[in-house]
Amino acid sequence: MGQTGSFSVSRRRLLWGGAASAIAVGLASKLSFDYLTGQDAWIEKILRKNLPGIKLDEGSLALFFRDIRAKGILQALRHRSAVLVDQTVPAPTNWVGKLHRANEGRERLVLSEFLLGSNFFRTRDPTRETITYYGGSSVCGNPFAVFRDA
């Protein structure tokens, strides 16, 4: 008569296994969903942080996100992991020196790609005009290069 209300060991293991599986599946689906949306959000955060007061064209930002994905700048697992950590819990990114330097390098690369592929350097005052990303240059991306006839 005493066995009706208690869990057996196998049932308890089954419940724990099911809960662990549900958590793992939920976490995996969230991480795979966050991979693209979190990556785009991180890129946009970097641009807005480093270009305060600059109005960015929303439509061209989507093109920039696609270009960054196509170039594979953030494809390596360590890059994706660092971006995910920086998006979810940014404090450890600043505490761990190696992670901070790596993220800083990625930030510079992303910002440089955006600036060189946009009209940022071609406007008189970037704070008064909307900055639009057109895509990377196939010839020379240096906006400061001066080519003279030899």
Protein backbone atom coordinates (compact mmCIF):
# COMPACT_ATOMS: atom_id res chain seq x y z
CA MET A 1 0.00 0.00 0.00
CA GLY A 2 2.90 2.41 0.51
CA GLN A 3 4.11 2.40 -3.14
CA THR A 4 1.23 4.29 -4.81
CA GLY A 5 2.35 7.88 -4.10
CA SER A 6 6.12 7.67 -4.43
CA PHE A 7 8.35 7.75 -7.49
CA SER A 8 10.38 4.75 -8.40
CA VAL A 9 14.05 5.19 -9.26
CA SER A 10 13.47 4.49 -12.95
CA ARG A 11 10.65 7.02 -13.15
CA ARG A 12 12.79 9.66 -11.47
CA ARG A 13 15.63 9.00 -13.90
CA LEU A 14 13.19 9.19 -16.79
CA LEU A 15 11.88 12.55 -15.58
CA TRP A 16 15.40 13.93 -15.07
CA GLY A 17 16.46 12.66 -18.48
CA GLY A 18 13.41 14.18 -20.12
CA ALA A 19 13.97 17.50 -18.38
CA ALA A 20 17.64 17.52 -19.37
CA SER A 21 16.73 16.66 -22.97
CA ALA A 22 14.11 19.39 -23.10
CA ILE A 23 16.60 21.91 -21.74
CA ALA A 24 19.26 20.80 -24.24
CA VAL A 25 16.87 21.00 -27.19
CA GLY A 26 15.59 24.39 -26.04
CA LEU A 27 19.10 25.72 -25.56
CA ALA A 28 20.27 24.39 -28.93
CA SER A 29 17.30 25.92 -30.76
CA LYS A 30 17.78 29.23 -28.96
CA LEU A 31 21.48 29.28 -29.79
CA SER A 32 20.87 28.44 -33.43
CA PHE A 33 18.20 31.14 -33.64
CA ASP A 34 20.40 33.61 -31.77
CA TYR A 35 23.31 32.79 -34.06
CA LEU A 36 21.90 34.96 -36.84
CA THR A 37 19.78 37.42 -34.90
CA GLY A 38 22.34 37.76 -32.12
CA GLN A 39 25.14 38.20 -34.61
CA ASP A 40 23.22 40.92 -36.44
CA ALA A 41 22.32 42.59 -33.15
CA TRP A 42 25.96 42.48 -32.06
CA ILE A 43 27.11 44.02 -35.36
CA GLU A 44 24.52 46.76 -35.09
CA LYS A 45 25.49 47.40 -31.46
CA ILE A 46 29.12 47.79 -32.51
CA LEU A 47 28.22 50.23 -35.27
CA ARG A 48 25.98 52.34 -33.03
CA LYS A 49 28.51 52.33 -30.19
CA ASN A 50 31.37 53.49 -32.41
CA LEU A 51 29.34 55.89 -34.55
CA PRO A 52 27.30 57.88 -32.02
CA GLY A 53 25.03 60.50 -33.52
CA ILE A 54 25.29 58.98 -36.99
CA LYS A 55 22.03 58.05 -38.72
CA LEU A 56 22.35 54.65 -40.42
CA ASP A 57 20.16 53.52 -43.29
CA GLU A 58 18.17 50.54 -41.99
CA GLY A 59 17.80 48.88 -45.39
CA SER A 60 21.50 48.96 -46.09
CA LEU A 61 22.23 47.51 -42.65
CA ALA A 62 20.55 44.27 -43.77
CA LEU A 63 22.87 44.24 -46.80
CA PHE A 64 25.84 44.77 -44.49
CA PHE A 65 24.76 41.85 -42.26
CA ARG A 66 24.56 39.61 -45.34
CA ASP A 67 27.99 40.79 -46.54
CA ILE A 68 29.59 40.07 -43.17
CA ARG A 69 28.07 36.58 -43.18
CA ALA A 70 29.20 35.99 -46.77
CA LYS A 71 32.77 37.06 -45.97
CA GLY A 72 32.85 34.61 -43.08
CA ILE A 73 34.33 37.10 -40.63
CA LEU A 74 32.39 35.62 -37.72
CA GLN A 75 32.12 32.02 -38.97
CA ALA A 76 34.69 30.32 -36.74
CA LEU A 77 33.19 28.68 -33.67
CA ARG A 78 35.37 30.77 -31.35
CA HIS A 79 34.16 33.98 -33.04
CA ARG A 80 30.51 32.93 -32.83
CA SER A 81 30.98 31.90 -29.20
CA ALA A 82 32.67 35.17 -28.29
CA VAL A 83 29.90 37.17 -29.97
CA LEU A 84 27.25 35.09 -28.17
CA VAL A 85 28.97 35.60 -24.81
CA ASP A 86 29.31 39.32 -25.51
CA GLN A 87 25.60 39.51 -26.39
CA THR A 88 24.25 37.50 -23.47
CA VAL A 89 26.63 38.27 -20.60
CA PRO A 90 29.08 41.01 -21.67
CA ALA A 91 30.89 41.29 -18.31
CA PRO A 92 33.16 38.22 -18.77
CA THR A 93 34.23 39.60 -22.15
CA ASN A 94 35.81 42.54 -20.37
CA TRP A 95 37.33 40.45 -17.57
CA VAL A 96 39.15 37.93 -19.74
CA GLY A 97 41.96 39.77 -21.50
CA LYS A 98 42.32 37.38 -24.42
CA LEU A 99 38.58 37.41 -25.13
CA HIS A 100 38.49 41.20 -24.83
CA ARG A 101 41.36 41.65 -27.32
CA ALA A 102 39.80 39.18 -29.74
CA ASN A 103 36.42 40.92 -29.58
CA GLU A 104 38.09 44.30 -29.98
CA GLY A 105 39.79 43.05 -33.15
CA ARG A 106 36.48 41.75 -34.50
CA GLU A 107 34.82 45.07 -33.66
CA ARG A 108 37.50 46.98 -35.57
CA LEU A 109 37.17 44.68 -38.56
CA VAL A 110 33.38 45.00 -38.67
CA LEU A 111 33.53 48.78 -38.26
CA SER A 112 36.20 49.13 -40.95
CA GLU A 113 34.19 46.99 -43.37
CA PHE A 114 31.15 49.18 -42.82
CA LEU A 115 32.96 52.49 -43.11
CA LEU A 116 34.86 51.53 -46.25
CA GLY A 117 31.75 50.11 -47.94
CA SER A 118 29.53 53.07 -47.10
CA ASN A 119 29.34 56.73 -48.02
CA PHE A 120 30.80 57.74 -44.64
CA PHE A 121 34.03 59.17 -46.06
CA ARG A 122 32.29 60.63 -49.10
CA THR A 123 29.97 62.98 -47.23
CA ARG A 124 30.87 66.45 -46.03
CA ASP A 125 29.33 65.94 -42.59
CA PRO A 126 28.33 62.38 -41.65
CA THR A 127 26.30 63.62 -38.69
CA ARG A 128 23.92 65.51 -41.00
CA GLU A 129 23.42 62.85 -43.67
CA THR A 130 22.18 59.27 -43.54
CA ILE A 131 25.05 56.83 -43.92
CA THR A 132 24.25 54.13 -46.45
CA TYR A 133 26.18 50.92 -46.95
CA TYR A 134 26.62 50.00 -50.62
CA GLY A 135 28.96 47.04 -50.34
CA GLY A 136 32.68 46.50 -50.37
CA SER A 137 34.76 47.80 -53.22
CA SER A 138 36.16 45.21 -55.58
CA VAL A 139 39.15 47.35 -56.62
CA CYS A 140 40.62 49.36 -53.76
CA GLY A 141 38.66 49.94 -50.59
CA ASN A 142 40.97 52.71 -49.39
CA PRO A 143 39.02 55.99 -49.59
CA PHE A 144 42.21 57.96 -48.94
CA ALA A 145 44.15 56.58 -51.91
CA VAL A 146 45.04 59.12 -54.55
CA PHE A 147 45.75 57.67 -57.98
CA ARG A 148 47.73 59.86 -60.37
CA ASP A 149 48.66 59.28 -63.99
CA ALA A 150 52.27 58.16 -64.23
